[in-house]
Amino acid sequence: MIVDCAVYRDGRRNEGNEGPDDLSTALDQARASSDTFLWVGLYEPTEDEFDLVTKEFGLHPLAVEDALKAHQRPKLEVYEDSLFMVLKPVSYEPDSDTVSTGELMVFLGDSFVVTVRHGVDMPLGDVRRHLEQQPEMLRHGPTGVLYSITDSIVDHYLEVATELGTDLEELEAEVFSPSVGGSRHTASRIYAFKRQVLEFRRATVPLGPPTARLAGQGAYGAAVPFVQEKSRPFFRDVHDHLTRVNESVEGLDRLVSDILSAHLAQMSVRQNDDMRKISAWAAMAAVPTMIAGIYGMNFDHMPELHWVWSYPAVVVIMAVLEVLLYRLFKRRGWL
């Protein structure tokens, strides 16, 4: 459905109604003036709802298919009559330690912007209201809208990366805690956290080449259609922030893998300690068992068999040997 639709002239929203009644007429009026553009925002539109927008703005069918089906990787594609960009807003729930992603498609063309949102993450109403308070940015037309949306999403990436880093520190403290580190649920928590980092990474890493292209960096020096060349410094700032996010994500991924390895190593060491303790107690139990077994045999000719003090002597010998074994294993750290 169409969430919002408005015509902006000289950085100001046209007042008087909720939006233009006829998209074709509004688009013609916007193209008639160099300082005017039309912004249409949609939320999870159906195919029938999107047909009108497709026909009026001449959107490419492949881009329309991607916008309707969603589940796309972040990307930037240039068509004859429009520019198509896919972004993935991210939100993080600290209570459940869950990263959730939505999808946001942006169509840019001659004097128009069409945004298609899927999922509950990052409502564009806040971005639109913030932009309407910045007429200088809106005067840049569709390019200003694309920059503001991209900048808002990437800035939120930084916040999510910070929260993930804080949770990772708590998980690290739990793993290396003597009392909790051996919990049976620790490994599952680490693995679940790693899956959240992977989900976050799927949203941030593929966005690198599109922002680099908009910023005109490296091999992406050619101008991008429908995007003003003087906006490159702004997109360069977005790309720098995204680079920081991706570095943080790579660091989080490496750290959580190292923590999992450290936890498994700790579990292995503790199992070895347990086995040594079991072996020590088994050895201490074997000595009296062996002596008792020997003297339990029914032979007539055995040393000290008929000696009066043989029983207490054997018991004392067993006790002495047990004390010696206990001190030996204790000194070696087996007990």
Protein backbone atom coordinates (compact mmCIF):
# COMPACT_ATOMS: atom_id res chain seq x y z
CA MET A 1 0.00 0.00 0.00
CA ILE A 2 1.04 3.63 -0.48
CA VAL A 3 2.11 4.95 2.92
CA ASP A 4 2.99 8.47 1.84
CA CYS A 5 3.13 10.42 -1.38
CA ALA A 6 4.21 14.02 -1.72
CA VAL A 7 5.59 16.59 -4.12
CA TYR A 8 8.58 18.63 -2.93
CA ARG A 9 9.41 21.99 -4.47
CA ASP A 10 12.51 23.99 -3.55
CA GLY A 11 13.11 21.82 -0.47
CA ARG A 12 9.55 22.20 0.83
CA ARG A 13 6.65 19.78 0.84
CA ASN A 14 3.61 20.97 -1.05
CA GLU A 15 0.78 21.47 1.41
CA GLY A 16 -2.97 21.36 0.86
CA ASN A 17 -3.78 17.62 0.76
CA GLU A 18 -2.51 14.23 1.71
CA GLY A 19 -0.77 13.84 -1.63
CA PRO A 20 -1.34 14.15 -5.37
CA ASP A 21 -4.46 12.37 -6.66
CA ASP A 22 -2.87 11.50 -10.01
CA LEU A 23 0.70 10.26 -10.06
CA SER A 24 1.12 10.91 -13.77
CA THR A 25 0.06 14.56 -13.46
CA ALA A 26 2.21 15.06 -10.37
CA LEU A 27 5.22 13.55 -12.12
CA ASP A 28 4.70 15.77 -15.18
CA GLN A 29 4.53 18.83 -12.93
CA ALA A 30 7.66 17.77 -11.11
CA ARG A 31 9.57 17.30 -14.36
CA ALA A 32 8.42 20.68 -15.57
CA SER A 33 10.42 22.37 -12.80
CA SER A 34 14.06 21.67 -12.05
CA ASP A 35 13.61 22.14 -8.29
CA THR A 36 10.66 19.75 -7.89
CA PHE A 37 10.40 16.00 -7.40
CA LEU A 38 7.86 13.38 -6.33
CA TRP A 39 8.45 10.89 -3.49
CA VAL A 40 6.19 7.84 -3.20
CA GLY A 41 6.57 5.49 -0.25
CA LEU A 42 5.08 1.97 -0.27
CA TYR A 43 4.94 -0.76 2.35
CA GLU A 44 4.82 -4.40 1.25
CA PRO A 45 2.75 -3.67 -1.88
CA THR A 46 0.93 -6.38 -3.77
CA GLU A 47 1.47 -6.89 -7.47
CA ASP A 48 -1.78 -5.11 -8.32
CA GLU A 49 -0.94 -2.17 -6.05
CA PHE A 50 2.50 -1.82 -7.60
CA ASP A 51 1.28 -2.00 -11.21
CA LEU A 52 0.10 1.62 -11.14
CA VAL A 53 3.46 2.87 -9.87
CA THR A 54 5.31 0.70 -12.38
CA LYS A 55 3.38 2.10 -15.34
CA GLU A 56 3.53 5.71 -14.24
CA PHE A 57 7.25 5.76 -13.52
CA GLY A 58 8.39 3.29 -16.19
CA LEU A 59 10.23 1.02 -13.76
CA HIS A 60 12.19 -1.90 -15.15
CA PRO A 61 10.35 -5.24 -14.80
CA LEU A 62 13.37 -7.00 -13.29
CA ALA A 63 13.67 -4.35 -10.59
CA VAL A 64 9.91 -4.50 -10.01
CA GLU A 65 10.12 -8.28 -9.56
CA ASP A 66 12.91 -7.85 -6.99
CA ALA A 67 10.92 -5.19 -5.15
CA LEU A 68 7.83 -7.37 -4.93
CA LYS A 69 9.48 -10.65 -3.98
CA ALA A 70 12.08 -9.12 -1.64
CA HIS A 71 14.74 -11.43 -0.12
CA GLN A 72 17.46 -9.63 -2.09
CA ARG A 73 21.07 -8.91 -1.27
CA PRO A 74 22.09 -5.24 -0.96
CA LYS A 75 22.95 -4.04 -4.45
CA LEU A 76 22.88 -1.13 -6.88
CA GLU A 77 21.61 -1.57 -10.44
CA VAL A 78 21.32 1.00 -13.21
CA TYR A 79 18.54 0.74 -15.77
CA GLU A 80 17.67 2.95 -18.70
CA ASP A 81 15.04 5.04 -16.90
CA SER A 82 15.86 4.54 -13.25
CA LEU A 83 18.36 3.57 -10.59
CA PHE A 84 17.52 0.66 -8.28
CA MET A 85 19.15 0.15 -4.89
CA VAL A 86 18.46 -2.51 -2.26
CA LEU A 87 19.33 -1.94 1.39
CA LYS A 88 18.76 -4.08 4.46
CA PRO A 89 17.87 -2.18 7.65
CA VAL A 90 18.89 -4.03 10.82
CA SER A 91 17.50 -4.00 14.34
CA TYR A 92 18.83 -5.73 17.44
CA GLU A 93 16.79 -6.91 20.42
CA PRO A 94 19.16 -7.05 23.43
CA ASP A 95 16.63 -8.96 25.54
CA SER A 96 16.50 -11.88 23.13
CA ASP A 97 19.95 -11.30 21.54
CA THR A 98 18.32 -11.41 18.11
CA VAL A 99 19.31 -9.57 14.94
CA SER A 100 16.41 -9.01 12.55
CA THR A 101 16.61 -7.52 9.07
CA GLY A 102 14.11 -5.87 6.79
CA GLU A 103 14.43 -4.78 3.18
CA LEU A 104 14.23 -1.38 1.59
CA MET A 105 14.19 -0.83 -2.17
CA VAL A 106 14.79 2.63 -3.61
CA PHE A 107 13.96 3.61 -7.20
CA LEU A 108 15.54 6.84 -8.40
CA GLY A 109 14.67 8.49 -11.68
CA ASP A 110 14.01 11.76 -13.40
CA SER A 111 12.36 13.87 -10.67
CA PHE A 112 11.01 10.96 -8.65
CA VAL A 113 11.83 8.63 -5.79
CA VAL A 114 9.93 5.42 -5.04
CA THR A 115 10.69 3.55 -1.82
CA VAL A 116 9.40 0.05 -1.14
CA ARG A 117 9.74 -1.32 2.39
CA HIS A 118 9.43 -4.90 3.60
CA GLY A 119 9.52 -5.86 7.26
CA VAL A 120 9.01 -3.82 10.40
CA ASP A 121 12.55 -2.48 10.65
CA MET A 122 13.32 1.18 10.08
CA PRO A 123 10.08 2.99 9.21
CA LEU A 124 10.84 5.66 6.64
CA GLY A 125 8.42 8.12 8.23
CA ASP A 126 11.16 9.25 10.63
CA VAL A 127 13.60 9.79 7.75
CA ARG A 128 11.00 11.71 5.77
CA ARG A 129 10.10 13.94 8.74
CA HIS A 130 13.79 14.57 9.45
CA LEU A 131 14.38 15.49 5.82
CA GLU A 132 11.41 17.85 5.76
CA GLN A 133 13.13 19.78 8.53
CA GLN A 134 16.23 20.10 6.31
CA PRO A 135 15.17 21.99 3.17
CA GLU A 136 18.80 22.38 2.13
CA MET A 137 19.10 18.61 1.79
CA LEU A 138 15.74 18.27 0.05
CA ARG A 139 16.82 20.85 -2.53
CA HIS A 140 19.22 18.18 -3.84
CA GLY A 141 16.15 16.27 -4.98
CA PRO A 142 16.12 12.46 -5.25
CA THR A 143 19.86 12.34 -4.58
CA GLY A 144 19.32 13.95 -1.18
CA VAL A 145 16.64 11.39 -0.35
CA LEU A 146 18.88 8.48 -1.33
CA TYR A 147 21.75 9.88 0.73
CA SER A 148 19.58 10.45 3.80
CA ILE A 149 18.11 6.93 3.67
CA THR A 150 21.50 5.30 3.17
CA ASP A 151 23.14 7.42 5.85
CA SER A 152 20.38 6.64 8.36
CA ILE A 153 20.63 2.89 7.76
CA VAL A 154 24.44 2.82 7.99
CA ASP A 155 24.44 4.96 11.15
CA HIS A 156 22.06 2.45 12.72
CA TYR A 157 24.49 -0.30 11.69
CA LEU A 158 27.07 1.39 13.92
CA GLU A 159 24.67 1.32 16.86
CA VAL A 160 23.91 -2.37 16.32
CA ALA A 161 27.62 -3.18 16.03
CA THR A 162 28.24 -1.42 19.35
CA GLU A 163 25.47 -3.39 21.06
CA LEU A 164 26.77 -6.65 19.64
CA GLY A 165 30.25 -5.78 20.90
CA THR A 166 28.88 -5.16 24.40
CA ASP A 167 27.04 -8.50 24.40
CA LEU A 168 30.16 -10.24 23.15
CA GLU A 169 32.14 -8.85 26.08
CA GLU A 170 29.53 -10.27 28.47
CA LEU A 171 29.69 -13.63 26.70
CA GLU A 172 33.48 -13.59 26.87
CA ALA A 173 33.38 -12.88 30.62
CA GLU A 174 30.95 -15.80 31.06
CA VAL A 175 33.17 -18.19 29.10
CA PHE A 176 36.27 -17.39 31.14
CA SER A 177 34.42 -17.34 34.45
CA PRO A 178 35.58 -20.28 36.64
CA SER A 179 32.06 -20.90 37.92
CA VAL A 180 30.03 -20.50 34.71
CA GLY A 181 32.50 -21.25 31.94
CA GLY A 182 31.74 -24.93 31.96
CA SER A 183 27.96 -24.57 31.64
CA ARG A 184 26.36 -26.95 29.18
CA HIS A 185 24.46 -24.04 27.59
CA THR A 186 27.52 -21.87 26.93
CA ALA A 187 28.44 -23.49 23.61
CA SER A 188 24.86 -23.12 22.30
CA ARG A 189 24.83 -19.45 23.34
CA ILE A 190 28.11 -18.82 21.51
CA TYR A 191 26.83 -20.55 18.39
CA ALA A 192 23.55 -18.60 18.52
CA PHE A 193 25.49 -15.34 18.86
CA LYS A 194 27.64 -16.30 15.87
CA ARG A 195 24.48 -16.80 13.80
CA GLN A 196 23.33 -13.28 14.74
CA VAL A 197 26.68 -11.85 13.66
CA LEU A 198 26.34 -13.74 10.37
CA GLU A 199 22.86 -12.29 9.85
CA PHE A 200 24.25 -8.81 10.49
CA ARG A 201 27.14 -9.46 8.13
CA ARG A 202 24.78 -10.42 5.32
CA ALA A 203 23.27 -6.95 5.53
CA THR A 204 26.45 -4.87 5.79
CA VAL A 205 29.18 -6.52 3.71
CA PRO A 206 27.36 -6.64 0.32
CA LEU A 207 26.51 -2.94 0.68
CA GLY A 208 30.19 -2.01 0.35
CA PRO A 209 30.44 -1.99 -3.49
CA PRO A 210 27.19 0.00 -3.99
CA THR A 211 28.26 2.74 -1.59
CA ALA A 212 31.73 2.78 -3.12
CA ARG A 213 30.14 3.21 -6.53
CA LEU A 214 27.99 6.09 -5.30
CA ALA A 215 31.09 7.66 -3.74
CA GLY A 216 33.09 7.18 -6.95
CA GLN A 217 35.94 5.40 -5.18
CA GLY A 218 38.53 3.10 -6.69
CA ALA A 219 37.34 1.32 -9.82
CA TYR A 220 33.92 2.95 -9.47
CA GLY A 221 34.97 6.30 -10.86
CA ALA A 222 32.26 6.66 -13.47
CA ALA A 223 29.28 8.83 -12.71
CA VAL A 224 26.11 7.10 -11.54
CA PRO A 225 23.00 8.09 -13.50
CA PHE A 226 20.30 10.05 -11.63
CA VAL A 227 22.79 10.84 -8.83
CA GLN A 228 24.45 14.25 -8.68
CA GLU A 229 28.22 14.13 -8.93
CA LYS A 230 28.62 16.80 -6.28
CA SER A 231 27.02 14.40 -3.80
CA ARG A 232 30.03 12.08 -3.91
CA PRO A 233 31.66 13.49 -0.75
CA PHE A 234 28.46 12.74 1.18
CA PHE A 235 28.33 9.17 -0.08
CA ARG A 236 32.05 8.87 0.63
CA ASP A 237 31.26 9.63 4.27
CA VAL A 238 28.57 6.92 4.24
CA HIS A 239 31.04 4.48 2.71
CA ASP A 240 33.63 5.29 5.39
CA HIS A 241 31.07 4.59 8.12
CA LEU A 242 30.11 1.34 6.42
CA THR A 243 33.78 0.36 6.25
CA ARG A 244 34.01 0.85 10.01
CA VAL A 245 30.93 -1.31 10.47
CA ASN A 246 32.34 -4.07 8.28
CA GLU A 247 35.62 -3.99 10.17
CA SER A 248 33.67 -4.31 13.42
CA VAL A 249 31.67 -7.21 12.01
CA GLU A 250 34.84 -8.99 10.89
CA GLY A 251 36.32 -8.46 14.35
CA LEU A 252 33.16 -9.77 16.04
CA ASP A 253 33.14 -12.84 13.83
CA ARG A 254 36.78 -13.63 14.57
CA LEU A 255 36.36 -13.03 18.30
CA VAL A 256 33.29 -15.20 18.64
CA SER A 257 35.10 -17.99 16.76
CA ASP A 258 38.08 -17.61 19.10
CA ILE A 259 35.78 -17.63 22.13
CA LEU A 260 34.12 -20.81 20.93
CA SER A 261 37.53 -22.43 20.40
CA ALA A 262 38.64 -21.29 23.86
CA HIS A 263 35.47 -22.67 25.42
CA LEU A 264 35.94 -26.04 23.72
CA ALA A 265 39.58 -26.08 24.84
CA GLN A 266 38.47 -25.32 28.40
CA MET A 267 35.95 -28.14 28.27
CA SER A 268 38.66 -30.51 27.00
CA VAL A 269 41.03 -29.48 29.80
CA ARG A 270 38.30 -29.95 32.39
CA GLN A 271 37.48 -33.37 31.00
CA ASN A 272 41.15 -34.30 31.21
CA ASP A 273 41.21 -33.10 34.83
CA ASP A 274 38.17 -35.21 35.58
CA MET A 275 39.74 -38.24 33.94
CA ARG A 276 42.93 -37.77 35.96
CA LYS A 277 40.93 -37.55 39.18
CA ILE A 278 38.99 -40.68 38.28
CA SER A 279 42.21 -42.46 37.40
CA ALA A 280 43.83 -41.41 40.68
CA TRP A 281 40.91 -42.63 42.77
CA ALA A 282 40.81 -45.85 40.75
CA ALA A 283 44.53 -46.41 41.41
CA MET A 284 44.04 -45.79 45.12
CA ALA A 285 41.16 -48.28 45.18
CA ALA A 286 43.17 -50.86 43.23
CA VAL A 287 45.98 -51.20 45.81
CA PRO A 288 43.88 -52.51 48.76
CA THR A 289 41.81 -54.53 46.32
CA MET A 290 44.94 -56.24 45.05
CA ILE A 291 46.26 -57.00 48.54
CA ALA A 292 42.87 -58.23 49.74
CA GLY A 293 42.58 -60.35 46.62
CA ILE A 294 45.92 -62.01 47.19
CA TYR A 295 45.18 -62.86 50.80
CA GLY A 296 41.74 -64.02 49.88
CA MET A 297 43.12 -66.94 47.93
CA ASN A 298 42.72 -70.34 49.62
CA PHE A 299 46.33 -71.56 49.75
CA ASP A 300 47.82 -73.31 52.74
CA HIS A 301 51.37 -72.08 52.35
CA MET A 302 51.20 -68.26 52.34
CA PRO A 303 53.53 -65.89 54.24
CA GLU A 304 52.25 -64.82 57.66
CA LEU A 305 48.98 -66.67 57.05
CA HIS A 306 48.84 -68.02 60.61
CA TRP A 307 50.65 -65.09 62.24
CA VAL A 308 48.65 -63.42 65.02
CA TRP A 309 49.41 -59.84 63.84
CA SER A 310 48.99 -60.50 60.12
CA TYR A 311 45.54 -58.93 59.83
CA PRO A 312 46.36 -55.58 61.50
CA ALA A 313 49.71 -55.52 59.67
CA VAL A 314 48.02 -55.85 56.29
CA VAL A 315 45.48 -53.14 57.18
CA VAL A 316 48.27 -50.79 58.25
CA ILE A 317 50.18 -51.48 55.03
CA MET A 318 47.04 -50.69 53.02
CA ALA A 319 46.54 -47.42 54.91
CA VAL A 320 50.19 -46.38 54.46
CA LEU A 321 50.08 -47.12 50.74
CA GLU A 322 46.82 -45.13 50.39
CA VAL A 323 48.35 -42.13 52.16
CA LEU A 324 51.46 -42.28 49.98
CA LEU A 325 49.39 -42.50 46.78
CA TYR A 326 47.12 -39.65 47.91
CA ARG A 327 50.11 -37.37 48.61
CA LEU A 328 51.71 -38.32 45.29
CA PHE A 329 48.57 -37.55 43.25
CA LYS A 330 47.92 -34.39 45.24
CA ARG A 331 51.43 -33.11 44.56
CA ARG A 332 51.01 -33.71 40.83
CA GLY A 333 47.65 -31.96 40.75
CA TRP A 334 45.57 -35.04 39.96
CA LEU A 335 43.44 -34.59 43.08
